[in-house]
C-alpha cells in the first residue's frame, strides 16, 4: 500500500480572516500531525473524513464536519477518494466556536455555500456578495449543533477492543451478549458501558459504523445488494432503509451524486 503525503498550507497566518481550501484526495493520502494558529472546519462533501485530533479519532460523513480549534494538533487520512473542503478562520472568529475539537452538524445553507464556493474556486471572498455569504457561513457555524464525535471511541481497554473488532468486520451480527462474554461482563453491564462512555447504545454505534462503511463501499463497483450482505443485512431493503434514514437519500442516489461530485 502506497501512502502519499498531502501538502499543507505554506503560510504562517491566513491571507484573509476567512479562507477556503478545496482538494480531491485519492485513496491513502495523508497529512502528518501538525497544528496552526487558526481554526479549521474540515468537511468531506463525498466520502468519510478520517482524522486524529489530540489523540482522539474522528470519522465524519458528509452530513457533519469536524471542527479543529486553533493550535490543536491533528492529522488526516483518506481511506477512499474524498471531496475535501476546509474553512480556515482567524483566531478572533473562533471565540464563539467550541474550544475543544468536535463534530458539527452541517446545515443545508452551509453545505450550499461550500458547494457554490468550491464550484467557483473562491478561496478568499472578495466580491460583496461573497463576503456576505462568508459571514452567513460563520454565523451558521456558530449555531451548528455540536456532537462530540459522530463515531466515538472508548478509553477503557475492554470496550475499545470490542469497537476495533466491530470496525474490522462491520457485517458481524453477533449480539451484545456475545461481545459481553468476550470481556467477561454481563450484557447489562456492557450496555451501560456503551451509553456511559460513548453516549449511545450498542445498536446505534453499530448502525453508525455500518453507515460509514457503506459510504466507503459505494465508491466501489459492488452492487447495492452485495454491500448490504457484506454489512450484515439480510435484505437489500433493510440496508436501503437504514442508509436513507442516515443520509436522506438512497444508496443509489448517493452513489450517483458521488460519481458526479468526483467529475466537477
C-alpha atoms as a PDB file:
ATOM      1  CA  UNK A   1       0.000   0.000   0.000  1.00  0.00           C
ATOM      2  CA  UNK A   2       1.497   3.319  -1.118  1.00  0.00           C
ATOM      3  CA  UNK A   3       0.712   6.357   1.017  1.00  0.00           C
ATOM      4  CA  UNK A   4       1.025   9.840  -0.428  1.00  0.00           C
ATOM      5  CA  UNK A   5       1.672  12.880   1.756  1.00  0.00           C
ATOM      6  CA  UNK A   6      -0.710  15.822   1.405  1.00  0.00           C
ATOM      7  CA  UNK A   7       0.877  19.257   1.085  1.00  0.00           C
ATOM      8  CA  UNK A   8      -0.151  21.577   3.906  1.00  0.00           C
ATOM      9  CA  UNK A   9      -0.784  25.311   3.682  1.00  0.00           C
ATOM     10  CA  UNK A  10       2.589  27.008   3.380  1.00  0.00           C
ATOM     11  CA  UNK A  11       1.875  30.244   5.239  1.00  0.00           C
ATOM     12  CA  UNK A  12       2.103  31.102   8.939  1.00  0.00           C
ATOM     13  CA  UNK A  13      -1.015  33.263   9.061  1.00  0.00           C
ATOM     14  CA  UNK A  14      -4.139  33.362   6.964  1.00  0.00           C
ATOM     15  CA  UNK A  15      -4.243  35.760   3.997  1.00  0.00           C
ATOM     16  CA  UNK A  16      -7.838  36.645   4.998  1.00  0.00           C
ATOM     17  CA  UNK A  17      -9.996  36.207   8.131  1.00  0.00           C
ATOM     18  CA  UNK A  18     -11.997  33.505   6.308  1.00  0.00           C
ATOM     19  CA  UNK A  19     -10.028  31.331   3.893  1.00  0.00           C
ATOM     20  CA  UNK A  20     -11.380  28.380   1.906  1.00  0.00           C
ATOM     21  CA  UNK A  21      -9.474  25.346   0.690  1.00  0.00           C
ATOM     22  CA  UNK A  22     -10.630  22.602  -1.691  1.00  0.00           C
ATOM     23  CA  UNK A  23      -8.993  19.393  -2.863  1.00  0.00           C
ATOM     24  CA  UNK A  24      -9.800  15.983  -4.289  1.00  0.00           C
ATOM     25  CA  UNK A  25      -7.846  13.433  -2.286  1.00  0.00           C
ATOM     26  CA  UNK A  26      -7.283   9.937  -3.606  1.00  0.00           C
ATOM     27  CA  UNK A  27      -7.107   6.730  -1.575  1.00  0.00           C
ATOM     28  CA  UNK A  28      -4.295   6.517   1.024  1.00  0.00           C
ATOM     29  CA  UNK A  29      -3.369  10.211   1.076  1.00  0.00           C
ATOM     30  CA  UNK A  30      -2.447  11.673   4.455  1.00  0.00           C
ATOM     31  CA  UNK A  31      -1.300  14.744   6.340  1.00  0.00           C
ATOM     32  CA  UNK A  32       1.001  14.061   9.284  1.00  0.00           C
ATOM     33  CA  UNK A  33       0.335  15.585  12.700  1.00  0.00           C
ATOM     34  CA  UNK A  34       0.517  19.385  12.659  1.00  0.00           C
ATOM     35  CA  UNK A  35      -1.030  22.479  14.232  1.00  0.00           C
ATOM     36  CA  UNK A  36      -1.588  26.077  13.187  1.00  0.00           C
ATOM     37  CA  UNK A  37      -2.773  29.341  14.797  1.00  0.00           C
ATOM     38  CA  UNK A  38      -6.155  29.389  13.050  1.00  0.00           C
ATOM     39  CA  UNK A  39      -9.230  27.188  13.479  1.00  0.00           C
ATOM     40  CA  UNK A  40     -10.403  24.888  10.696  1.00  0.00           C
ATOM     41  CA  UNK A  41     -13.694  23.335   9.733  1.00  0.00           C
ATOM     42  CA  UNK A  42     -12.796  20.064   7.995  1.00  0.00           C
ATOM     43  CA  UNK A  43     -15.516  18.709   5.712  1.00  0.00           C
ATOM     44  CA  UNK A  44     -15.945  15.959   3.122  1.00  0.00           C
ATOM     45  CA  UNK A  45     -18.618  16.629   0.506  1.00  0.00           C
ATOM     46  CA  UNK A  46     -18.329  12.979  -0.602  1.00  0.00           C
ATOM     47  CA  UNK A  47     -16.733  10.180   1.375  1.00  0.00           C
ATOM     48  CA  UNK A  48     -15.805   9.713   5.024  1.00  0.00           C
ATOM     49  CA  UNK A  49     -13.360  12.039   6.730  1.00  0.00           C
ATOM     50  CA  UNK A  50     -10.810  10.250   8.980  1.00  0.00           C
ATOM     51  CA  UNK A  51      -8.873  12.396  11.456  1.00  0.00           C
ATOM     52  CA  UNK A  52      -6.815  12.061  14.600  1.00  0.00           C
ATOM     53  CA  UNK A  53      -7.121  15.134  16.826  1.00  0.00           C
ATOM     54  CA  UNK A  54      -5.136  15.354  20.061  1.00  0.00           C
ATOM     55  CA  UNK A  55      -5.100  11.562  20.264  1.00  0.00           C
ATOM     56  CA  UNK A  56      -8.834  11.103  19.592  1.00  0.00           C
ATOM     57  CA  UNK A  57     -10.157   9.508  16.402  1.00  0.00           C
ATOM     58  CA  UNK A  58     -12.816  11.273  14.347  1.00  0.00           C
ATOM     59  CA  UNK A  59     -14.779   9.779  11.444  1.00  0.00           C
ATOM     60  CA  UNK A  60     -17.307  12.058   9.829  1.00  0.00           C
ATOM     61  CA  UNK A  61     -19.834  11.527   6.998  1.00  0.00           C
ATOM     62  CA  UNK A  62     -20.968  14.332   4.659  1.00  0.00           C
ATOM     63  CA  UNK A  63     -23.819  15.438   6.966  1.00  0.00           C
ATOM     64  CA  UNK A  64     -21.233  16.511   9.530  1.00  0.00           C
ATOM     65  CA  UNK A  65     -17.916  18.336   9.688  1.00  0.00           C
ATOM     66  CA  UNK A  66     -15.047  18.272  12.165  1.00  0.00           C
ATOM     67  CA  UNK A  67     -14.085  21.457  13.989  1.00  0.00           C
ATOM     68  CA  UNK A  68     -10.391  21.819  14.868  1.00  0.00           C
ATOM     69  CA  UNK A  69      -9.723  24.798  17.191  1.00  0.00           C
ATOM     70  CA  UNK A  70      -6.571  26.930  16.841  1.00  0.00           C
ATOM     71  CA  UNK A  71      -3.277  25.359  17.990  1.00  0.00           C
ATOM     72  CA  UNK A  72      -4.803  21.871  18.166  1.00  0.00           C
ATOM     73  CA  UNK A  73      -2.657  19.043  16.826  1.00  0.00           C
ATOM     74  CA  UNK A  74      -4.374  16.986  14.133  1.00  0.00           C
ATOM     75  CA  UNK A  75      -3.673  14.615  11.267  1.00  0.00           C
ATOM     76  CA  UNK A  76      -5.715  13.335   8.357  1.00  0.00           C
ATOM     77  CA  UNK A  77      -6.037  10.146   6.299  1.00  0.00           C
ATOM     78  CA  UNK A  78      -8.164   9.182   3.301  1.00  0.00           C
ATOM     79  CA  UNK A  79      -9.414   5.592   3.196  1.00  0.00           C
ATOM     80  CA  UNK A  80     -11.067   6.335  -0.143  1.00  0.00           C
ATOM     81  CA  UNK A  81     -11.275   9.256  -2.616  1.00  0.00           C
ATOM     82  CA  UNK A  82     -12.970  12.236  -0.975  1.00  0.00           C
ATOM     83  CA  UNK A  83     -14.015  15.750  -1.983  1.00  0.00           C
ATOM     84  CA  UNK A  84     -12.296  17.765   0.734  1.00  0.00           C
ATOM     85  CA  UNK A  85     -13.447  21.219   1.838  1.00  0.00           C
ATOM     86  CA  UNK A  86     -11.887  23.338   4.578  1.00  0.00           C
ATOM     87  CA  UNK A  87     -12.864  26.668   6.087  1.00  0.00           C
ATOM     88  CA  UNK A  88      -9.975  28.329   7.917  1.00  0.00           C
ATOM     89  CA  UNK A  89     -10.935  31.009  10.450  1.00  0.00           C
ATOM     90  CA  UNK A  90      -8.686  33.643  12.029  1.00  0.00           C
ATOM     91  CA  UNK A  91      -8.486  33.346  15.849  1.00  0.00           C
ATOM     92  CA  UNK A  92     -10.906  36.245  16.585  1.00  0.00           C
ATOM     93  CA  UNK A  93     -13.635  34.433  14.610  1.00  0.00           C
ATOM     94  CA  UNK A  94     -13.089  31.279  16.682  1.00  0.00           C
ATOM     95  CA  UNK A  95     -14.084  32.857  20.007  1.00  0.00           C
ATOM     96  CA  UNK A  96     -17.738  31.821  19.662  1.00  0.00           C
ATOM     97  CA  UNK A  97     -16.889  28.314  18.461  1.00  0.00           C
ATOM     98  CA  UNK A  98     -16.082  25.260  20.639  1.00  0.00           C
ATOM     99  CA  UNK A  99     -12.706  25.285  22.397  1.00  0.00           C
ATOM    100  CA  UNK A 100     -12.396  21.503  22.008  1.00  0.00           C
ATOM    101  CA  UNK A 101     -12.350  19.511  18.776  1.00  0.00           C
ATOM    102  CA  UNK A 102     -15.814  18.208  17.962  1.00  0.00           C
ATOM    103  CA  UNK A 103     -18.218  17.202  15.223  1.00  0.00           C
ATOM    104  CA  UNK A 104     -20.676  19.838  13.966  1.00  0.00           C
ATOM    105  CA  UNK A 105     -23.933  19.063  12.174  1.00  0.00           C
ATOM    106  CA  UNK A 106     -23.848  20.913   8.850  1.00  0.00           C
ATOM    107  CA  UNK A 107     -26.932  22.852   7.739  1.00  0.00           C
ATOM    108  CA  UNK A 108     -28.212  22.812   4.166  1.00  0.00           C
ATOM    109  CA  UNK A 109     -27.345  26.526   3.909  1.00  0.00           C
ATOM    110  CA  UNK A 110     -23.748  25.891   4.938  1.00  0.00           C
ATOM    111  CA  UNK A 111     -23.407  22.950   2.531  1.00  0.00           C
ATOM    112  CA  UNK A 112     -24.841  25.086  -0.310  1.00  0.00           C
ATOM    113  CA  UNK A 113     -22.348  27.904   0.349  1.00  0.00           C
ATOM    114  CA  UNK A 114     -19.427  25.456   0.434  1.00  0.00           C
ATOM    115  CA  UNK A 115     -20.612  23.823  -2.791  1.00  0.00           C
ATOM    116  CA  UNK A 116     -21.004  27.188  -4.532  1.00  0.00           C
ATOM    117  CA  UNK A 117     -17.607  28.494  -3.376  1.00  0.00           C
ATOM    118  CA  UNK A 118     -15.902  25.225  -4.377  1.00  0.00           C
ATOM    119  CA  UNK A 119     -17.506  25.293  -7.840  1.00  0.00           C
ATOM    120  CA  UNK A 120     -16.203  28.838  -8.344  1.00  0.00           C
ATOM    121  CA  UNK A 121     -12.903  28.153  -6.513  1.00  0.00           C
ATOM    122  CA  UNK A 122     -13.450  31.053  -4.102  1.00  0.00           C
ATOM    123  CA  UNK A 123     -10.548  30.908  -1.647  1.00  0.00           C
ATOM    124  CA  UNK A 124     -10.744  34.496  -0.380  1.00  0.00           C
ATOM    125  CA  UNK A 125     -14.215  36.108  -0.518  1.00  0.00           C
ATOM    126  CA  UNK A 126     -13.678  39.478  -2.227  1.00  0.00           C
ATOM    127  CA  UNK A 127     -16.893  40.309  -4.093  1.00  0.00           C
ATOM    128  CA  UNK A 128     -19.509  41.938  -1.806  1.00  0.00           C
ATOM    129  CA  UNK A 129     -21.945  39.058  -2.326  1.00  0.00           C
ATOM    130  CA  UNK A 130     -19.249  36.501  -1.431  1.00  0.00           C
ATOM    131  CA  UNK A 131     -18.251  38.476   1.664  1.00  0.00           C
ATOM    132  CA  UNK A 132     -21.894  38.364   2.806  1.00  0.00           C
ATOM    133  CA  UNK A 133     -22.098  34.618   2.118  1.00  0.00           C
ATOM    134  CA  UNK A 134     -18.919  34.039   4.123  1.00  0.00           C
ATOM    135  CA  UNK A 135     -20.480  35.933   7.047  1.00  0.00           C
ATOM    136  CA  UNK A 136     -23.604  33.768   6.793  1.00  0.00           C
ATOM    137  CA  UNK A 137     -21.359  30.698   6.849  1.00  0.00           C
ATOM    138  CA  UNK A 138     -19.608  31.870  10.024  1.00  0.00           C
ATOM    139  CA  UNK A 139     -22.998  32.610  11.624  1.00  0.00           C
ATOM    140  CA  UNK A 140     -24.205  29.121  10.669  1.00  0.00           C
ATOM    141  CA  UNK A 141     -21.093  27.555  12.186  1.00  0.00           C
ATOM    142  CA  UNK A 142     -21.601  29.380  15.460  1.00  0.00           C
ATOM    143  CA  UNK A 143     -25.163  27.993  15.629  1.00  0.00           C
ATOM    144  CA  UNK A 144     -24.368  24.455  14.451  1.00  0.00           C
ATOM    145  CA  UNK A 145     -25.377  21.625  16.805  1.00  0.00           C
ATOM    146  CA  UNK A 146     -22.319  20.152  18.497  1.00  0.00           C
ATOM    147  CA  UNK A 147     -21.643  16.414  18.687  1.00  0.00           C
ATOM    148  CA  UNK A 148     -18.594  15.101  20.490  1.00  0.00           C
ATOM    149  CA  UNK A 149     -17.915  12.724  17.616  1.00  0.00           C
ATOM    150  CA  UNK A 150     -20.091  11.002  15.020  1.00  0.00           C
ATOM    151  CA  UNK A 151     -18.470   7.631  15.815  1.00  0.00           C
ATOM    152  CA  UNK A 152     -16.880   7.998  19.270  1.00  0.00           C
ATOM    153  CA  UNK A 153     -14.273   5.632  20.681  1.00  0.00           C
ATOM    154  CA  UNK A 154     -13.842   4.280  24.190  1.00  0.00           C
ATOM    155  CA  UNK A 155     -10.993   4.783  26.626  1.00  0.00           C
ATOM    156  CA  UNK A 156     -11.402   1.528  28.591  1.00  0.00           C
ATOM    157  CA  UNK A 157      -9.392  -1.324  27.028  1.00  0.00           C
ATOM    158  CA  UNK A 158     -12.223  -3.886  27.066  1.00  0.00           C
ATOM    159  CA  UNK A 159     -14.752  -1.728  25.232  1.00  0.00           C
ATOM    160  CA  UNK A 160     -12.111  -0.291  22.893  1.00  0.00           C
ATOM    161  CA  UNK A 161     -11.117  -3.805  21.864  1.00  0.00           C
ATOM    162  CA  UNK A 162     -14.756  -4.601  21.009  1.00  0.00           C
ATOM    163  CA  UNK A 163     -15.121  -1.428  18.948  1.00  0.00           C
ATOM    164  CA  UNK A 164     -11.936  -2.166  16.998  1.00  0.00           C
ATOM    165  CA  UNK A 165     -13.111  -5.706  16.216  1.00  0.00           C
ATOM    166  CA  UNK A 166     -16.504  -4.389  15.122  1.00  0.00           C
ATOM    167  CA  UNK A 167     -14.812  -1.825  12.879  1.00  0.00           C
ATOM    168  CA  UNK A 168     -12.659  -4.532  11.314  1.00  0.00           C
ATOM    169  CA  UNK A 169     -15.838  -6.522  10.478  1.00  0.00           C
ATOM    170  CA  UNK A 170     -18.828  -4.145  10.221  1.00  0.00           C
ATOM    171  CA  UNK A 171     -21.015  -7.027   8.981  1.00  0.00           C
ATOM    172  CA  UNK A 172     -20.504  -9.065  12.169  1.00  0.00           C
ATOM    173  CA  UNK A 173     -24.028  -9.665  13.508  1.00  0.00           C
ATOM    174  CA  UNK A 174     -23.070 -11.018  16.927  1.00  0.00           C
ATOM    175  CA  UNK A 175     -25.479  -9.744  19.603  1.00  0.00           C
ATOM    176  CA  UNK A 176     -24.399  -7.642  22.553  1.00  0.00           C
ATOM    177  CA  UNK A 177     -24.450 -10.693  24.853  1.00  0.00           C
ATOM    178  CA  UNK A 178     -21.734 -12.416  22.786  1.00  0.00           C
ATOM    179  CA  UNK A 179     -19.494  -9.352  22.914  1.00  0.00           C
ATOM    180  CA  UNK A 180     -20.065  -9.069  26.675  1.00  0.00           C
ATOM    181  CA  UNK A 181     -18.993 -12.690  27.167  1.00  0.00           C
ATOM    182  CA  UNK A 182     -15.715 -11.952  25.385  1.00  0.00           C
ATOM    183  CA  UNK A 183     -14.709  -9.445  28.059  1.00  0.00           C
ATOM    184  CA  UNK A 184     -16.327 -11.406  30.912  1.00  0.00           C
ATOM    185  CA  UNK A 185     -19.050  -8.932  31.854  1.00  0.00           C
ATOM    186  CA  UNK A 186     -22.835  -9.184  31.768  1.00  0.00           C
ATOM    187  CA  UNK A 187     -24.846  -7.951  28.790  1.00  0.00           C
ATOM    188  CA  UNK A 188     -26.414  -5.279  31.008  1.00  0.00           C
ATOM    189  CA  UNK A 189     -23.009  -4.069  32.200  1.00  0.00           C
ATOM    190  CA  UNK A 190     -21.718  -3.733  28.626  1.00  0.00           C
ATOM    191  CA  UNK A 191     -24.918  -1.957  27.543  1.00  0.00           C
ATOM    192  CA  UNK A 192     -24.432   0.608  30.325  1.00  0.00           C
ATOM    193  CA  UNK A 193     -20.767   0.989  29.356  1.00  0.00           C
ATOM    194  CA  UNK A 194     -21.742   1.870  25.765  1.00  0.00           C
ATOM    195  CA  UNK A 195     -24.079   4.625  26.966  1.00  0.00           C
ATOM    196  CA  UNK A 196     -21.682   5.915  29.639  1.00  0.00           C
ATOM    197  CA  UNK A 197     -18.524   6.026  27.505  1.00  0.00           C
ATOM    198  CA  UNK A 198     -19.945   6.616  24.024  1.00  0.00           C
ATOM    199  CA  UNK A 199     -23.212   8.436  24.700  1.00  0.00           C
ATOM    200  CA  UNK A 200     -25.212   5.948  22.622  1.00  0.00           C
ATOM    201  CA  UNK A 201     -26.408   2.363  22.618  1.00  0.00           C
ATOM    202  CA  UNK A 202     -24.636  -0.637  21.115  1.00  0.00           C
ATOM    203  CA  UNK A 203     -27.211  -0.715  18.284  1.00  0.00           C
ATOM    204  CA  UNK A 204     -26.784   2.988  17.462  1.00  0.00           C
ATOM    205  CA  UNK A 205     -22.968   2.718  17.401  1.00  0.00           C
ATOM    206  CA  UNK A 206     -23.083  -0.311  15.110  1.00  0.00           C
ATOM    207  CA  UNK A 207     -25.557   1.395  12.776  1.00  0.00           C
ATOM    208  CA  UNK A 208     -23.318   4.474  12.510  1.00  0.00           C
ATOM    209  CA  UNK A 209     -20.321   2.235  11.840  1.00  0.00           C
ATOM    210  CA  UNK A 210     -22.212   0.483   9.068  1.00  0.00           C
ATOM    211  CA  UNK A 211     -23.338   3.772   7.557  1.00  0.00           C
ATOM    212  CA  UNK A 212     -19.728   4.982   7.360  1.00  0.00           C
ATOM    213  CA  UNK A 213     -18.651   1.642   5.897  1.00  0.00           C
ATOM    214  CA  UNK A 214     -21.487   1.893   3.356  1.00  0.00           C
ATOM    215  CA  UNK A 215     -20.340   5.332   2.183  1.00  0.00           C
ATOM    216  CA  UNK A 216     -16.867   3.950   1.533  1.00  0.00           C
ATOM    217  CA  UNK A 217     -18.223   0.778  -0.132  1.00  0.00           C
ATOM    218  CA  UNK A 218     -20.405   2.810  -2.509  1.00  0.00           C
ATOM    219  CA  UNK A 219     -17.237   4.170  -4.127  1.00  0.00           C
ATOM    220  CA  UNK A 220     -16.609   0.626  -5.424  1.00  0.00           C
ATOM    221  CA  UNK A 221     -18.349  -1.214  -8.262  1.00  0.00           C
ATOM    222  CA  UNK A 222     -20.113  -3.649  -5.929  1.00  0.00           C
ATOM    223  CA  UNK A 223     -23.894  -3.863  -6.193  1.00  0.00           C
ATOM    224  CA  UNK A 224     -26.166  -2.444  -3.501  1.00  0.00           C
ATOM    225  CA  UNK A 225     -27.226  -5.998  -2.648  1.00  0.00           C
ATOM    226  CA  UNK A 226     -23.618  -7.143  -2.214  1.00  0.00           C
ATOM    227  CA  UNK A 227     -22.824  -4.185   0.043  1.00  0.00           C
ATOM    228  CA  UNK A 228     -25.953  -4.889   2.109  1.00  0.00           C
ATOM    229  CA  UNK A 229     -24.928  -8.518   2.682  1.00  0.00           C
ATOM    230  CA  UNK A 230     -21.308  -7.535   3.435  1.00  0.00           C
ATOM    231  CA  UNK A 231     -22.594  -5.177   6.146  1.00  0.00           C
ATOM    232  CA  UNK A 232     -24.706  -7.829   7.823  1.00  0.00           C
ATOM    233  CA  UNK A 233     -28.147  -7.023   6.395  1.00  0.00           C
ATOM    234  CA  UNK A 234     -30.332  -9.972   5.440  1.00  0.00           C
ATOM    235  CA  UNK A 235     -32.146  -7.964   2.755  1.00  0.00           C
ATOM    236  CA  UNK A 236     -31.221  -5.094   0.476  1.00  0.00           C
ATOM    237  CA  UNK A 237     -34.362  -3.196   1.502  1.00  0.00           C
ATOM    238  CA  UNK A 238     -33.319  -3.136   5.185  1.00  0.00           C
ATOM    239  CA  UNK A 239     -29.944  -1.706   4.207  1.00  0.00           C
ATOM    240  CA  UNK A 240     -31.541   0.896   1.901  1.00  0.00           C
ATOM    241  CA  UNK A 241     -33.941   1.986   4.666  1.00  0.00           C
ATOM    242  CA  UNK A 242     -31.046   2.437   7.139  1.00  0.00           C
ATOM    243  CA  UNK A 243     -28.984   4.385   4.625  1.00  0.00           C
ATOM    244  CA  UNK A 244     -31.882   6.653   3.685  1.00  0.00           C
ATOM    245  CA  UNK A 245     -32.570   7.475   7.344  1.00  0.00           C
ATOM    246  CA  UNK A 246     -28.940   8.459   7.830  1.00  0.00           C
ATOM    247  CA  UNK A 247     -28.184  10.201   4.527  1.00  0.00           C
ATOM    248  CA  UNK A 248     -31.564  11.472   3.333  1.00  0.00           C
ATOM    249  CA  UNK A 249     -31.032   9.656   0.030  1.00  0.00           C
ATOM    250  CA  UNK A 250     -30.914   6.064  -1.170  1.00  0.00           C
ATOM    251  CA  UNK A 251     -27.537   4.365  -1.663  1.00  0.00           C
ATOM    252  CA  UNK A 252     -28.008   4.533  -5.443  1.00  0.00           C
ATOM    253  CA  UNK A 253     -28.821   8.266  -5.307  1.00  0.00           C
ATOM    254  CA  UNK A 254     -25.772   8.826  -3.109  1.00  0.00           C
ATOM    255  CA  UNK A 255     -23.595   6.799  -5.488  1.00  0.00           C
ATOM    256  CA  UNK A 256     -24.727   8.860  -8.499  1.00  0.00           C
ATOM    257  CA  UNK A 257     -24.106  12.161  -6.701  1.00  0.00           C
ATOM    258  CA  UNK A 258     -20.708  10.851  -5.573  1.00  0.00           C
ATOM    259  CA  UNK A 259     -19.699   9.999  -9.135  1.00  0.00           C
ATOM    260  CA  UNK A 260     -20.949  13.404 -10.309  1.00  0.00           C
ATOM    261  CA  UNK A 261     -19.089  15.106  -7.465  1.00  0.00           C
ATOM    262  CA  UNK A 262     -15.843  13.420  -8.496  1.00  0.00           C
ATOM    263  CA  UNK A 263     -16.157  14.873 -12.007  1.00  0.00           C
ATOM    264  CA  UNK A 264     -16.670  18.530 -11.024  1.00  0.00           C
END
